Amino acid sequence: MDRAERSTSVQGSSFSLFQTTVMLEQHIRRRTAELEEALHKNEQTNRALRAAEARFHGIVNQSLVGIALITDGRISYANPKMEDIFGLGAGEAVGLDPMDLAAESDRALVAKNVRARMAGEADESAYTFRGFRKDGVPLDVEVYGNALQVDDQRIMVSIFLDITERTRIARENEALQVTLREQSTHDALTGLYNRRYLEEALGRELVVAKRSGHPVSVVMADLDFFKAVNDSFGHLAGDEVLKTFGELMRRSSRASDFCFRWGGEEFLLLLPHMSANDAANRAEQLRGAFATSGVVCDGVKIAITASFGVASFPPDGTTIDHLVNAADGRLYVAKTSGRNRVISTSEQLT
């Protein structure tokens, strides 16, 4: 190879090296630019994630409901409201088993709901359990929860509401309703059923009796010379007499019987599945027991008797009015024919 050829070869080799160097630098600049753009986007993403996380914590930390995340059966995150509900300090909820928050009687319920969500048997749940604050104060808690699958991990999100006050009000309202129902059907002084309830009770028993053919008897009772008791001993003594007679009626009754204060010093016995003869015997036993026992008030024994009228379904009537009027008519005869007696048949009216 002569000098000219060697010169041309060297020049070609240098040019190729130059081209390679230029291309490499362009590639590096392009990759650097791509990397810088990726880093910039990653930083933007990180900032967005940090902002989203900050907003999330801001929301849950200010939430009026308790929020907890449960991972692998343990609380992994709890917002301040959730810790406040159970009287826990900051961070004390983390690591707790949800059952630790429940009363012993409700732990099975909590475990069942947690297990169902963790096993994928249920994605959502809603239930109420009885729990305790850290200081031992009981509370009622309502829980709403769902489950999320994050990669290979199942995370439960639970919302806790303290419904203790709401439950207390509901229980008080329920108790009040029971009291009002009791007051609407019972006499305040004696505790016996009142006249208002008779139509319901006797009407129901007559329907059953007509269908099955069994008897139903009614006994009307009136305390003899009751006004004299009030005039001589005072109204407190009169109240004691009424309560004593009502208690005597109750003690002598079967579980299926109904005892009523009809009004004033009048009382009524409703006796399902009892014939007129058996009802008359019951009235006679009650008359004798009341006449012999008397009533003691403030150390003074008050002697008093009662008169009775008996009527039965079906011979004396097939409706409420017929039976009550028949028993009342016989009671009137008992009162006007000497008192302290039982009238149970039409033959005794003559």
Protein backbone atom coordinates (compact mmCIF):
# COMPACT_ATOMS: atom_id res chain seq x y z
CA MET A 1 0.00 0.00 0.00
CA ASP A 2 1.46 3.33 -1.02
CA ARG A 3 1.41 6.53 1.02
CA ALA A 4 -1.74 7.92 -0.66
CA GLU A 5 -3.70 4.78 0.11
CA ARG A 6 -2.51 4.75 3.74
CA SER A 7 -3.55 8.38 4.11
CA THR A 8 -6.99 7.69 2.72
CA SER A 9 -7.43 4.68 5.05
CA VAL A 10 -6.45 6.67 8.13
CA GLN A 11 -8.79 9.46 7.17
CA GLY A 12 -11.64 6.95 6.72
CA SER A 13 -10.98 5.34 10.07
CA SER A 14 -10.93 8.69 11.87
CA PHE A 15 -14.17 9.76 10.19
CA SER A 16 -15.86 6.54 11.24
CA LEU A 17 -14.68 7.06 14.81
CA PHE A 18 -15.98 10.60 14.71
CA GLN A 19 -19.35 9.47 13.42
CA THR A 20 -19.54 6.79 16.13
CA THR A 21 -18.66 9.32 18.79
CA VAL A 22 -21.33 11.73 17.57
CA MET A 23 -23.95 9.01 17.45
CA LEU A 24 -23.02 7.81 20.95
CA GLU A 25 -23.22 11.33 22.34
CA GLN A 26 -26.63 11.83 20.70
CA HIS A 27 -27.83 8.54 22.15
CA ILE A 28 -26.55 9.49 25.60
CA ARG A 29 -28.19 12.90 25.39
CA ARG A 30 -31.47 11.29 24.25
CA ARG A 31 -31.37 8.66 27.00
CA THR A 32 -30.41 11.32 29.54
CA ALA A 33 -33.35 13.44 28.43
CA GLU A 34 -35.68 10.43 28.64
CA LEU A 35 -34.31 9.58 32.08
CA GLU A 36 -34.72 13.18 33.26
CA GLU A 37 -38.27 13.22 31.90
CA ALA A 38 -39.00 9.91 33.65
CA LEU A 39 -37.52 11.21 36.90
CA HIS A 40 -39.56 14.37 36.55
CA LYS A 41 -42.74 12.35 35.98
CA ASN A 42 -41.83 10.07 38.88
CA GLU A 43 -41.35 13.09 41.11
CA GLN A 44 -44.70 14.43 39.97
CA THR A 45 -46.25 11.04 40.73
CA ASN A 46 -44.60 10.94 44.15
CA ARG A 47 -45.79 14.46 44.89
CA ALA A 48 -49.30 13.48 43.79
CA LEU A 49 -49.16 10.37 45.98
CA ARG A 50 -47.90 12.39 48.95
CA ALA A 51 -50.64 14.96 48.37
CA ALA A 52 -53.27 12.21 48.07
CA GLU A 53 -51.96 10.56 51.22
CA ALA A 54 -52.04 13.89 53.04
CA ARG A 55 -55.61 14.48 51.87
CA PHE A 56 -56.55 10.95 52.95
CA HIS A 57 -55.09 11.41 56.42
CA GLY A 58 -56.63 14.86 56.64
CA ILE A 59 -60.05 13.43 55.84
CA VAL A 60 -59.90 10.36 58.07
CA ASN A 61 -58.30 12.28 60.93
CA GLN A 62 -61.15 14.78 60.88
CA SER A 63 -63.82 12.14 60.31
CA LEU A 64 -66.75 11.92 62.73
CA VAL A 65 -66.67 8.12 62.44
CA GLY A 66 -63.98 5.68 63.47
CA ILE A 67 -61.99 4.15 60.61
CA ALA A 68 -59.63 1.19 60.88
CA LEU A 69 -57.70 -1.01 58.47
CA ILE A 70 -57.37 -4.66 59.45
CA THR A 71 -54.58 -6.73 57.98
CA ASP A 72 -53.88 -10.39 58.82
CA GLY A 73 -56.50 -10.23 61.55
CA ARG A 74 -54.92 -7.24 63.32
CA ILE A 75 -55.60 -3.51 63.21
CA SER A 76 -52.88 -1.93 61.07
CA TYR A 77 -54.27 1.61 61.06
CA ALA A 78 -56.83 3.53 63.16
CA ASN A 79 -57.86 7.15 62.84
CA PRO A 80 -58.13 9.39 65.93
CA LYS A 81 -61.93 9.07 66.10
CA MET A 82 -61.73 5.29 66.27
CA GLU A 83 -59.21 5.54 69.12
CA ASP A 84 -61.42 8.13 70.82
CA ILE A 85 -64.47 5.85 70.64
CA PHE A 86 -62.64 3.14 72.58
CA GLY A 87 -60.73 5.55 74.84
CA LEU A 88 -57.35 4.57 73.40
CA GLY A 89 -54.25 6.71 73.14
CA ALA A 90 -52.58 7.59 69.84
CA GLY A 91 -51.33 4.41 68.18
CA GLU A 92 -52.70 2.07 70.86
CA ALA A 93 -55.21 0.49 68.50
CA VAL A 94 -52.53 -0.72 66.08
CA GLY A 95 -51.81 -4.40 66.59
CA LEU A 96 -55.03 -5.14 68.45
CA ASP A 97 -57.26 -8.05 67.50
CA PRO A 98 -60.74 -6.61 66.69
CA MET A 99 -62.18 -9.06 69.21
CA ASP A 100 -60.23 -7.23 71.93
CA LEU A 101 -62.69 -4.37 71.49
CA ALA A 102 -65.81 -6.47 72.08
CA ALA A 103 -67.51 -7.67 75.23
CA GLU A 104 -67.03 -11.37 75.84
CA SER A 105 -70.65 -12.10 74.94
CA ASP A 106 -70.21 -10.56 71.46
CA ARG A 107 -66.72 -11.75 70.57
CA ALA A 108 -68.04 -14.70 68.60
CA LEU A 109 -70.12 -12.30 66.50
CA VAL A 110 -67.13 -10.07 65.76
CA ALA A 111 -64.91 -13.07 64.97
CA LYS A 112 -67.52 -14.48 62.58
CA ASN A 113 -67.74 -11.23 60.60
CA VAL A 114 -63.97 -10.72 60.48
CA ARG A 115 -63.38 -14.32 59.44
CA ALA A 116 -66.00 -14.15 56.67
CA ARG A 117 -64.41 -11.04 55.15
CA MET A 118 -60.85 -12.32 55.50
CA ALA A 119 -61.79 -15.63 53.83
CA GLY A 120 -63.51 -13.86 50.95
CA GLU A 121 -66.90 -15.30 51.90
CA ALA A 122 -68.27 -11.75 52.22
CA ASP A 123 -66.97 -8.46 50.87
CA GLU A 124 -69.26 -6.34 53.05
CA SER A 125 -70.75 -6.62 56.52
CA ALA A 126 -72.85 -4.58 58.90
CA TYR A 127 -73.50 -5.50 62.52
CA THR A 128 -73.71 -4.14 66.05
CA PHE A 129 -71.76 -5.34 69.05
CA ARG A 130 -71.39 -4.52 72.73
CA GLY A 131 -67.91 -3.27 73.60
CA PHE A 132 -65.92 -1.52 76.30
CA ARG A 133 -63.74 1.56 76.42
CA LYS A 134 -60.25 1.21 77.82
CA ASP A 135 -61.53 2.57 81.16
CA GLY A 136 -64.19 -0.16 81.32
CA VAL A 137 -67.19 1.97 80.35
CA PRO A 138 -69.56 -0.14 78.20
CA LEU A 139 -70.66 1.10 74.79
CA ASP A 140 -72.68 -0.05 71.80
CA VAL A 141 -70.87 0.01 68.46
CA GLU A 142 -72.20 -0.26 64.93
CA VAL A 143 -69.75 -1.55 62.30
CA TYR A 144 -69.82 -1.24 58.53
CA GLY A 145 -67.00 -2.91 56.66
CA ASN A 146 -65.75 -4.10 53.30
CA ALA A 147 -62.71 -5.95 52.04
CA LEU A 148 -60.15 -4.99 49.40
CA GLN A 149 -57.69 -7.22 47.59
CA VAL A 150 -54.34 -5.42 47.27
CA ASP A 151 -51.87 -7.60 45.32
CA ASP A 152 -51.83 -10.84 47.32
CA GLN A 153 -53.06 -9.27 50.54
CA ARG A 154 -56.67 -8.90 51.71
CA ILE A 155 -57.30 -5.71 53.67
CA MET A 156 -60.48 -4.94 55.58
CA VAL A 157 -61.76 -1.40 55.97
CA SER A 158 -64.08 -0.97 58.95
CA ILE A 159 -66.13 2.04 59.98
CA PHE A 160 -67.10 2.28 63.66
CA LEU A 161 -70.04 4.32 65.00
CA ASP A 162 -70.63 4.88 68.69
CA ILE A 163 -74.40 4.30 69.03
CA THR A 164 -74.46 4.06 72.84
CA GLU A 165 -76.68 7.11 73.28
CA ARG A 166 -78.94 6.11 70.42
CA THR A 167 -79.31 2.62 71.89
CA ARG A 168 -80.03 4.03 75.35
CA ILE A 169 -82.79 6.23 73.96
CA ALA A 170 -84.21 3.31 71.98
CA ARG A 171 -84.25 1.12 75.11
CA GLU A 172 -85.90 3.85 77.12
CA ASN A 173 -88.51 4.34 74.40
CA GLU A 174 -89.15 0.61 74.30
CA ALA A 175 -89.54 0.51 78.09
CA LEU A 176 -91.84 3.52 77.90
CA GLN A 177 -93.97 1.79 75.26
CA VAL A 178 -94.23 -1.28 77.49
CA THR A 179 -95.23 0.94 80.41
CA LEU A 180 -97.82 2.77 78.32
CA ARG A 181 -99.27 -0.51 77.06
CA GLU A 182 -99.36 -1.76 80.65
CA GLN A 183 -101.08 1.40 81.82
CA SER A 184 -103.61 1.24 79.00
CA THR A 185 -104.73 -2.26 80.00
CA HIS A 186 -104.15 -2.33 83.77
CA ASP A 187 -105.62 -0.60 86.80
CA ALA A 188 -103.01 1.59 88.50
CA LEU A 189 -104.14 0.83 92.07
CA THR A 190 -104.62 -2.95 92.05
CA GLY A 191 -102.50 -3.98 89.06
CA LEU A 192 -105.44 -5.98 87.67
CA TYR A 193 -106.63 -5.65 84.10
CA ASN A 194 -108.92 -2.67 83.59
CA ARG A 195 -112.35 -2.48 82.00
CA ARG A 196 -110.89 -1.36 78.67
CA TYR A 197 -109.13 -4.71 78.22
CA LEU A 198 -112.22 -6.82 78.94
CA GLU A 199 -113.71 -6.47 75.48
CA GLU A 200 -110.51 -7.75 73.86
CA ALA A 201 -109.99 -10.64 76.30
CA LEU A 202 -113.61 -11.80 76.55
CA GLY A 203 -114.17 -11.35 72.81
CA ARG A 204 -111.17 -13.56 72.07
CA GLU A 205 -112.28 -16.25 74.54
CA LEU A 206 -115.82 -16.30 73.12
CA VAL A 207 -114.49 -16.83 69.58
CA VAL A 208 -112.44 -19.82 70.77
CA ALA A 209 -115.32 -21.14 72.89
CA LYS A 210 -117.80 -21.00 69.99
CA ARG A 211 -115.39 -22.89 67.78
CA SER A 212 -114.45 -25.57 70.34
CA GLY A 213 -117.70 -25.75 72.32
CA HIS A 214 -116.13 -25.24 75.75
CA PRO A 215 -117.78 -22.99 78.39
CA VAL A 216 -116.68 -19.53 79.52
CA SER A 217 -117.85 -17.98 82.79
CA VAL A 218 -117.93 -14.43 84.12
CA VAL A 219 -118.08 -13.49 87.81
CA MET A 220 -119.00 -9.94 88.84
CA ALA A 221 -118.09 -8.90 92.40
CA ASP A 222 -118.94 -5.80 94.44
CA LEU A 223 -117.59 -4.92 97.89
CA ASP A 224 -120.41 -4.52 100.40
CA PHE A 225 -120.82 -1.13 102.16
CA PHE A 226 -117.54 0.10 100.71
CA LYS A 227 -118.55 3.75 101.13
CA ALA A 228 -118.75 3.16 104.87
CA VAL A 229 -115.13 2.03 104.87
CA ASN A 230 -114.02 5.28 103.22
CA ASP A 231 -116.21 7.34 105.58
CA SER A 232 -115.04 5.56 108.73
CA PHE A 233 -111.38 4.81 108.00
CA GLY A 234 -110.45 7.17 105.16
CA HIS A 235 -109.62 6.70 101.51
CA LEU A 236 -106.19 5.19 102.19
CA ALA A 237 -107.92 2.39 104.07
CA GLY A 238 -110.38 2.07 101.18
CA ASP A 239 -107.48 1.72 98.75
CA GLU A 240 -105.97 -0.97 100.95
CA VAL A 241 -109.27 -2.89 100.90
CA LEU A 242 -109.41 -2.72 97.10
CA LYS A 243 -105.80 -3.89 96.76
CA THR A 244 -106.38 -6.74 99.23
CA PHE A 245 -109.43 -8.01 97.36
CA GLY A 246 -107.58 -7.73 94.03
CA GLU A 247 -104.64 -9.72 95.38
CA LEU A 248 -107.01 -12.37 96.76
CA MET A 249 -108.59 -12.68 93.30
CA ARG A 250 -105.17 -13.04 91.70
CA ARG A 251 -103.97 -15.69 94.16
CA SER A 252 -107.10 -17.80 93.67
CA SER A 253 -106.93 -17.68 89.87
CA ARG A 254 -105.48 -20.09 87.33
CA ALA A 255 -102.89 -18.99 84.80
CA SER A 256 -105.60 -18.91 82.12
CA ASP A 257 -107.97 -16.69 84.15
CA PHE A 258 -108.30 -12.91 83.84
CA CYS A 259 -108.85 -10.60 86.83
CA PHE A 260 -110.32 -7.14 86.23
CA ARG A 261 -111.11 -4.10 88.30
CA TRP A 262 -114.41 -3.17 86.69
CA GLY A 263 -114.57 0.25 88.30
CA GLY A 264 -114.87 1.71 91.80
CA GLU A 265 -115.41 -1.23 94.17
CA GLU A 266 -116.56 -3.59 91.40
CA PHE A 267 -114.44 -6.46 90.08
CA LEU A 268 -114.80 -9.11 87.38
CA LEU A 269 -113.37 -12.58 86.85
CA LEU A 270 -113.14 -14.08 83.35
CA LEU A 271 -112.88 -17.88 83.59
CA PRO A 272 -112.23 -19.73 80.28
CA HIS A 273 -113.10 -23.45 80.15
CA MET A 274 -115.14 -23.18 83.36
CA SER A 275 -118.81 -24.11 83.76
CA ALA A 276 -121.38 -22.07 85.67
CA ASN A 277 -121.33 -24.53 88.58
CA ASP A 278 -117.53 -24.47 88.89
CA ALA A 279 -117.52 -20.68 88.56
CA ALA A 280 -120.09 -20.42 91.36
CA ASN A 281 -117.88 -22.62 93.57
CA ARG A 282 -114.89 -20.40 92.78
CA ALA A 283 -116.92 -17.30 93.68
CA GLU A 284 -118.07 -18.93 96.92
CA GLN A 285 -114.48 -19.73 97.90
CA LEU A 286 -113.46 -16.15 97.18
CA ARG A 287 -116.45 -14.79 99.14
CA GLY A 288 -115.65 -16.94 102.17
CA ALA A 289 -111.93 -16.14 102.14
CA PHE A 290 -112.55 -12.40 101.94
CA ALA A 291 -115.22 -12.41 104.63
CA THR A 292 -113.08 -14.33 107.13
CA SER A 293 -109.71 -12.67 106.50
CA GLY A 294 -110.72 -9.01 106.65
CA VAL A 295 -108.27 -6.22 105.89
CA VAL A 296 -105.68 -4.79 108.28
CA CYS A 297 -104.78 -1.12 107.82
CA ASP A 298 -102.58 0.80 110.29
CA GLY A 299 -103.07 -1.97 112.83
CA VAL A 300 -106.86 -1.82 112.57
CA LYS A 301 -108.76 -4.82 111.20
CA ILE A 302 -111.55 -3.82 108.85
CA ALA A 303 -114.35 -6.35 108.47
CA ILE A 304 -115.86 -6.32 105.00
CA THR A 305 -117.66 -8.71 102.65
CA ALA A 306 -118.44 -8.97 98.95
CA SER A 307 -121.36 -10.03 96.79
CA PHE A 308 -121.11 -12.00 93.54
CA GLY A 309 -123.06 -12.63 90.35
CA VAL A 310 -122.17 -15.44 87.92
CA ALA A 311 -123.04 -15.94 84.24
CA SER A 312 -121.79 -18.49 81.69
CA PHE A 313 -121.52 -19.05 77.95
CA PRO A 314 -123.57 -20.46 76.29
CA PRO A 315 -126.65 -20.70 78.59
CA ASP A 316 -126.63 -17.07 79.76
CA GLY A 317 -125.56 -15.39 76.52
CA THR A 318 -123.31 -15.61 73.48
CA THR A 319 -121.96 -12.05 73.36
CA ILE A 320 -119.88 -9.88 75.66
CA ASP A 321 -122.81 -7.64 76.55
CA HIS A 322 -125.15 -10.56 77.23
CA LEU A 323 -122.74 -12.27 79.62
CA VAL A 324 -121.70 -9.12 81.47
CA ASN A 325 -125.31 -7.94 81.81
CA ALA A 326 -126.39 -11.37 83.07
CA ALA A 327 -123.62 -11.43 85.69
CA ASP A 328 -124.38 -7.83 86.69
CA GLY A 329 -128.09 -8.63 87.05
CA ARG A 330 -127.33 -11.52 89.39
CA LEU A 331 -124.91 -9.36 91.34
CA TYR A 332 -127.71 -6.84 91.81
CA VAL A 333 -129.91 -9.59 93.24
CA ALA A 334 -127.11 -10.65 95.58
CA LYS A 335 -126.79 -7.05 96.81
CA THR A 336 -130.51 -6.51 97.29
CA SER A 337 -131.17 -9.87 98.91
CA GLY A 338 -128.82 -9.50 101.83
CA ARG A 339 -125.26 -9.13 100.38
CA ASN A 340 -122.28 -11.40 101.13
CA ARG A 341 -123.60 -14.11 98.83
CA VAL A 342 -123.25 -15.65 95.37
CA ILE A 343 -126.06 -15.72 92.80
CA SER A 344 -125.31 -17.95 89.81
CA THR A 345 -128.59 -19.29 88.39
CA SER A 346 -131.85 -17.85 87.19
CA GLU A 347 -133.67 -19.90 89.83
CA GLN A 348 -131.95 -17.87 92.53
CA LEU A 349 -133.40 -14.69 91.09
CA THR A 350 -136.92 -15.49 92.31
